[in-house]
Amino acid sequence: MILHTTTDHVSWITLNRPEAMNALTPDQRDHLIRLFEEASADPDVRAVVVTATGRGFCAGADLRGGGPRTDRVAGDVARVIRQGAQRLITAVLDCEKPVIAAVNGTAAGIGAHLAYACDLVIAAESARFIEVFVRRGLVPDGAGAYLLPRLIGPQRAKELMFFGDALTAADAERLGLVNRVVPDEELEKTARTWAERLATGPTRSIALTKQLVNASLDTDRSTALTAEATAQEINMTTADAQEGVTSFVERRGPEFHGR
């Protein structure tokens, strides 16, 4: 089950299957994708928070549907990965609103990658991050081999993926996978404070900035600088950019409306 509310321009998405450590079923995964797409398109949503109930953030994909199938044909597995786990991570990366992961417990497999795909990650002290795939003889999916080297470098990424050891919240912060570690009881409050601050910011400017940073990791300098100039050109047509310049000239604080 996925809980969803929008409060003060913040879309709160809460995984609510605590008895299964919030392992994702295909239907829940598709629901998440729709929620990210809707948040991206809704001008009244200016920030997104992803969190969960219970002891786990997300234990990965729900694999309890049975053992390996024997009737697969070549291409079946790749198609499922493309249309499932990869589509979920892409929905987060492409969301035009800043996305915060408030990780309340264990994040394993696709659950860890869901957190890593978010723009900002706040972790409770009890959180754990696990590249669980190797424990099951599987290759990491859900963009793990794409995200992790870009966040912490190839050697560290290989260490996590080859051994599958649990990473504490403190170690995840030290490696750069987490922005902030807070006591468990302060997780929601911290996420709310960050989200509400983002929700009063220049939403289109933040969206363009997110696109620039994400794209810069896969482009050369010339392409990155061209994209930067184009983004600034587009952004200067927004009401928030005009308000920012006007408020500077008038020596007052800006009032952004996400337009």
Protein backbone atom coordinates (compact mmCIF):
# COMPACT_ATOMS: atom_id res chain seq x y z
CA MET A 1 0.00 0.00 0.00
CA ILE A 2 1.19 3.51 -0.84
CA LEU A 3 -0.04 6.46 1.22
CA HIS A 4 -0.11 9.86 -0.47
CA THR A 5 -0.94 13.36 0.73
CA THR A 6 -0.05 16.85 -0.45
CA THR A 7 0.46 19.47 2.24
CA ASP A 8 1.89 22.97 1.85
CA HIS A 9 2.94 22.19 -1.73
CA VAL A 10 4.84 19.07 -0.62
CA SER A 11 3.85 15.66 -1.99
CA TRP A 12 4.36 13.04 0.74
CA ILE A 13 4.73 9.49 -0.60
CA THR A 14 4.82 6.85 2.12
CA LEU A 15 5.46 3.14 1.59
CA ASN A 16 3.06 1.43 3.97
CA ARG A 17 3.61 -2.29 3.98
CA PRO A 18 5.59 -2.64 7.20
CA GLU A 19 4.89 -6.36 7.64
CA ALA A 20 6.97 -6.97 4.47
CA MET A 21 9.59 -4.30 5.25
CA ASN A 22 7.92 -2.32 2.44
CA ALA A 23 9.13 -4.67 -0.29
CA LEU A 24 7.66 -3.44 -3.55
CA THR A 25 5.14 -5.40 -5.57
CA PRO A 26 4.80 -4.59 -9.29
CA ASP A 27 1.53 -2.74 -8.63
CA GLN A 28 3.12 -0.62 -5.89
CA ARG A 29 6.10 0.14 -8.11
CA ASP A 30 3.77 1.31 -10.88
CA HIS A 31 1.82 3.40 -8.38
CA LEU A 32 5.06 5.11 -7.30
CA ILE A 33 5.91 5.87 -10.91
CA ARG A 34 2.52 7.50 -11.45
CA LEU A 35 2.91 9.60 -8.29
CA PHE A 36 6.30 10.92 -9.39
CA GLU A 37 4.95 11.71 -12.86
CA GLU A 38 1.93 13.49 -11.37
CA ALA A 39 4.11 15.50 -8.98
CA SER A 40 6.32 16.50 -11.87
CA ALA A 41 3.38 17.84 -13.88
CA ASP A 42 1.42 19.48 -11.04
CA PRO A 43 2.34 23.17 -10.60
CA ASP A 44 0.95 23.12 -7.06
CA VAL A 45 3.52 20.49 -6.02
CA ARG A 46 6.92 22.05 -5.39
CA ALA A 47 8.75 19.29 -3.51
CA VAL A 48 8.41 15.55 -2.91
CA VAL A 49 9.27 13.40 0.11
CA VAL A 50 9.56 9.61 -0.07
CA THR A 51 9.51 7.74 3.23
CA ALA A 52 8.02 4.62 4.81
CA THR A 53 6.38 3.16 7.89
CA GLY A 54 7.76 0.50 10.22
CA ARG A 55 11.35 -0.71 10.59
CA GLY A 56 12.24 -0.73 6.93
CA PHE A 57 12.37 1.92 4.22
CA CYS A 58 12.17 -0.66 1.44
CA ALA A 59 13.55 -4.21 1.42
CA GLY A 60 13.68 -4.24 -2.38
CA ALA A 61 11.43 -5.96 -4.87
CA ASP A 62 8.96 -8.50 -3.49
CA LEU A 63 10.34 -11.83 -4.72
CA ARG A 64 7.91 -14.03 -2.82
CA GLY A 65 5.93 -14.88 -5.91
CA GLY A 66 7.90 -18.08 -6.36
CA GLY A 67 11.22 -19.38 -7.63
CA PRO A 68 12.82 -18.84 -11.04
CA ARG A 69 10.51 -19.51 -13.95
CA THR A 70 11.40 -22.25 -16.38
CA ASP A 71 9.29 -21.01 -19.29
CA ARG A 72 11.17 -17.77 -19.97
CA VAL A 73 12.45 -16.94 -23.42
CA ALA A 74 15.39 -14.70 -24.27
CA GLY A 75 14.49 -11.06 -23.65
CA ASP A 76 11.88 -11.63 -20.93
CA VAL A 77 14.09 -10.65 -18.00
CA ALA A 78 15.56 -7.58 -19.71
CA ARG A 79 12.06 -6.40 -20.62
CA VAL A 80 10.83 -6.74 -17.03
CA ILE A 81 13.84 -4.80 -15.73
CA ARG A 82 13.42 -2.01 -18.29
CA GLN A 83 9.69 -1.63 -17.68
CA GLY A 84 9.94 -2.08 -13.92
CA ALA A 85 12.92 -1.17 -11.74
CA GLN A 86 14.61 1.04 -14.32
CA ARG A 87 11.40 2.94 -15.04
CA LEU A 88 10.96 3.65 -11.32
CA ILE A 89 14.45 5.08 -10.91
CA THR A 90 14.07 7.11 -14.10
CA ALA A 91 10.82 8.58 -12.77
CA VAL A 92 12.70 9.89 -9.73
CA LEU A 93 15.66 11.21 -11.71
CA ASP A 94 13.38 12.90 -14.26
CA CYS A 95 10.91 14.35 -11.75
CA GLU A 96 10.85 18.11 -12.22
CA LYS A 97 10.53 18.70 -8.49
CA PRO A 98 13.24 18.16 -5.86
CA VAL A 99 12.82 14.73 -4.24
CA ILE A 100 13.90 13.98 -0.67
CA ALA A 101 14.33 10.44 0.63
CA ALA A 102 13.64 10.16 4.36
CA VAL A 103 15.11 6.73 5.04
CA ASN A 104 13.65 5.33 8.26
CA GLY A 105 15.20 1.85 8.26
CA THR A 106 16.68 -0.80 5.99
CA ALA A 107 16.97 0.14 2.32
CA ALA A 108 18.01 -2.90 0.31
CA GLY A 109 18.29 -3.59 -3.40
CA ILE A 110 15.91 -1.42 -5.39
CA GLY A 111 14.99 0.22 -2.06
CA ALA A 112 18.55 1.51 -1.71
CA HIS A 113 18.60 2.63 -5.33
CA LEU A 114 15.30 4.45 -4.85
CA ALA A 115 16.96 6.47 -2.09
CA TYR A 116 20.16 7.08 -4.08
CA ALA A 117 18.14 8.40 -7.03
CA CYS A 118 16.59 11.10 -4.88
CA ASP A 119 18.10 14.57 -4.89
CA LEU A 120 18.63 14.69 -1.13
CA VAL A 121 18.83 11.80 1.36
CA ILE A 122 18.12 12.12 5.07
CA ALA A 123 18.69 8.93 7.05
CA ALA A 124 17.62 7.94 10.53
CA GLU A 125 20.42 6.61 12.70
CA SER A 126 18.85 3.14 12.46
CA ALA A 127 18.91 3.13 8.64
CA ARG A 128 20.93 0.55 6.76
CA PHE A 129 21.80 0.36 3.06
CA ILE A 130 22.43 -3.03 1.44
CA GLU A 131 23.40 -4.02 -2.11
CA VAL A 132 21.64 -7.31 -1.53
CA PHE A 133 21.80 -8.66 -5.10
CA VAL A 134 25.05 -10.61 -4.71
CA ARG A 135 23.56 -12.49 -1.74
CA ARG A 136 21.01 -13.98 -4.17
CA GLY A 137 23.45 -14.54 -7.02
CA LEU A 138 21.94 -11.63 -8.98
CA VAL A 139 23.30 -8.68 -10.93
CA PRO A 140 22.37 -5.26 -9.48
CA ASP A 141 19.45 -3.70 -11.30
CA GLY A 142 17.37 -0.58 -10.86
CA ALA A 143 20.28 1.54 -12.15
CA GLY A 144 22.54 0.56 -9.26
CA ALA A 145 25.66 0.17 -11.38
CA TYR A 146 24.88 3.56 -12.91
CA LEU A 147 24.13 5.47 -9.71
CA LEU A 148 26.72 4.17 -7.24
CA PRO A 149 29.94 4.86 -9.23
CA ARG A 150 28.73 8.39 -9.88
CA LEU A 151 28.04 8.95 -6.20
CA ILE A 152 31.08 7.31 -4.58
CA GLY A 153 33.42 6.15 -7.36
CA PRO A 154 33.90 2.72 -8.96
CA GLN A 155 36.09 1.10 -6.29
CA ARG A 156 33.71 1.86 -3.43
CA ALA A 157 30.74 0.86 -5.58
CA LYS A 158 32.34 -2.49 -6.38
CA GLU A 159 33.09 -3.12 -2.72
CA LEU A 160 29.43 -2.62 -1.80
CA MET A 161 28.15 -4.66 -4.74
CA PHE A 162 30.68 -7.52 -4.53
CA PHE A 163 30.22 -8.19 -0.81
CA GLY A 164 26.65 -7.07 -0.14
CA ASP A 165 27.48 -5.98 3.39
CA ALA A 166 25.10 -3.71 5.27
CA LEU A 167 26.20 -0.08 5.35
CA THR A 168 25.28 1.94 8.43
CA ALA A 169 23.73 5.36 8.11
CA ALA A 170 26.91 6.93 9.49
CA ASP A 171 29.09 5.13 6.94
CA ALA A 172 26.69 6.04 4.13
CA GLU A 173 27.03 9.69 5.15
CA ARG A 174 30.82 9.38 5.27
CA LEU A 175 30.87 7.94 1.74
CA GLY A 176 28.58 10.66 0.40
CA LEU A 177 25.45 8.55 -0.15
CA VAL A 178 23.53 10.45 2.54
CA ASN A 179 23.27 14.20 3.13
CA ARG A 180 22.34 14.05 6.80
CA VAL A 181 21.93 11.47 9.57
CA VAL A 182 19.49 12.34 12.35
CA PRO A 183 18.05 10.56 15.40
CA ASP A 184 15.12 8.37 14.44
CA GLU A 185 12.62 10.58 16.21
CA GLU A 186 13.79 13.64 14.26
CA LEU A 187 13.59 12.13 10.77
CA GLU A 188 10.10 13.34 9.84
CA LYS A 189 10.67 16.79 11.34
CA THR A 190 13.93 17.25 9.43
CA ALA A 191 12.42 16.02 6.16
CA ARG A 192 9.46 18.36 6.64
CA THR A 193 11.74 21.34 7.32
CA TRP A 194 13.82 20.67 4.22
CA ALA A 195 10.78 20.01 2.02
CA GLU A 196 8.93 23.13 3.14
CA ARG A 197 12.03 25.20 2.49
CA LEU A 198 12.28 23.76 -1.03
CA ALA A 199 8.55 24.32 -1.54
CA THR A 200 9.00 28.06 -1.01
CA GLY A 201 11.90 28.26 -3.45
CA PRO A 202 12.04 29.02 -7.19
CA THR A 203 10.68 25.68 -8.37
CA ARG A 204 11.54 26.00 -12.06
CA SER A 205 15.06 27.17 -11.26
CA ILE A 206 15.54 24.14 -9.01
CA ALA A 207 14.17 21.84 -11.73
CA LEU A 208 16.59 23.20 -14.30
CA THR A 209 19.44 22.98 -11.81
CA LYS A 210 18.57 19.32 -11.13
CA GLN A 211 18.62 18.58 -14.85
CA LEU A 212 21.99 20.29 -15.29
CA VAL A 213 23.65 18.44 -12.43
CA ASN A 214 22.27 15.04 -13.45
CA ALA A 215 23.23 15.52 -17.10
CA SER A 216 26.70 16.87 -16.30
CA LEU A 217 27.87 13.44 -15.14
CA ASP A 218 27.36 12.04 -18.63
CA THR A 219 28.46 14.96 -20.83
CA ASP A 220 31.65 16.74 -21.85
CA ARG A 221 32.48 20.28 -20.75
CA SER A 222 31.32 21.98 -23.94
CA THR A 223 27.94 20.27 -23.85
CA ALA A 224 27.53 20.99 -20.13
CA LEU A 225 28.30 24.70 -20.56
CA THR A 226 25.93 24.98 -23.52
CA ALA A 227 23.19 23.35 -21.46
CA GLU A 228 23.93 25.76 -18.59
CA ALA A 229 23.56 28.81 -20.82
CA THR A 230 20.35 27.44 -22.33
CA ALA A 231 18.90 26.70 -18.89
CA GLN A 232 19.65 30.23 -17.74
CA GLU A 233 18.00 31.62 -20.87
CA ILE A 234 14.87 29.56 -20.20
CA ASN A 235 14.85 30.36 -16.51
CA MET A 236 14.98 34.12 -17.10
CA THR A 237 11.51 33.90 -18.63
CA THR A 238 10.01 32.70 -15.33
CA ALA A 239 8.16 34.92 -12.88
CA ASP A 240 10.38 33.70 -10.03
CA ALA A 241 13.55 34.79 -11.81
CA GLN A 242 12.05 38.22 -12.39
CA GLU A 243 11.04 38.37 -8.74
CA GLY A 244 14.55 37.36 -7.68
CA VAL A 245 16.17 40.15 -9.65
CA THR A 246 13.54 42.71 -8.62
CA SER A 247 13.82 41.84 -4.93
CA PHE A 248 17.61 42.21 -5.13
CA VAL A 249 17.29 45.67 -6.67
CA GLU A 250 14.66 46.64 -4.11
CA ARG A 251 16.77 45.21 -1.26
CA ARG A 252 14.09 42.87 0.10
CA GLY A 253 13.61 39.14 0.43
CA PRO A 254 12.11 37.40 -2.61
CA GLU A 255 8.67 35.76 -2.61
CA PHE A 256 8.73 32.84 -5.00
CA HIS A 257 5.57 31.16 -6.27
CA GLY A 258 7.00 28.32 -8.35
CA ARG A 259 6.08 29.92 -11.66
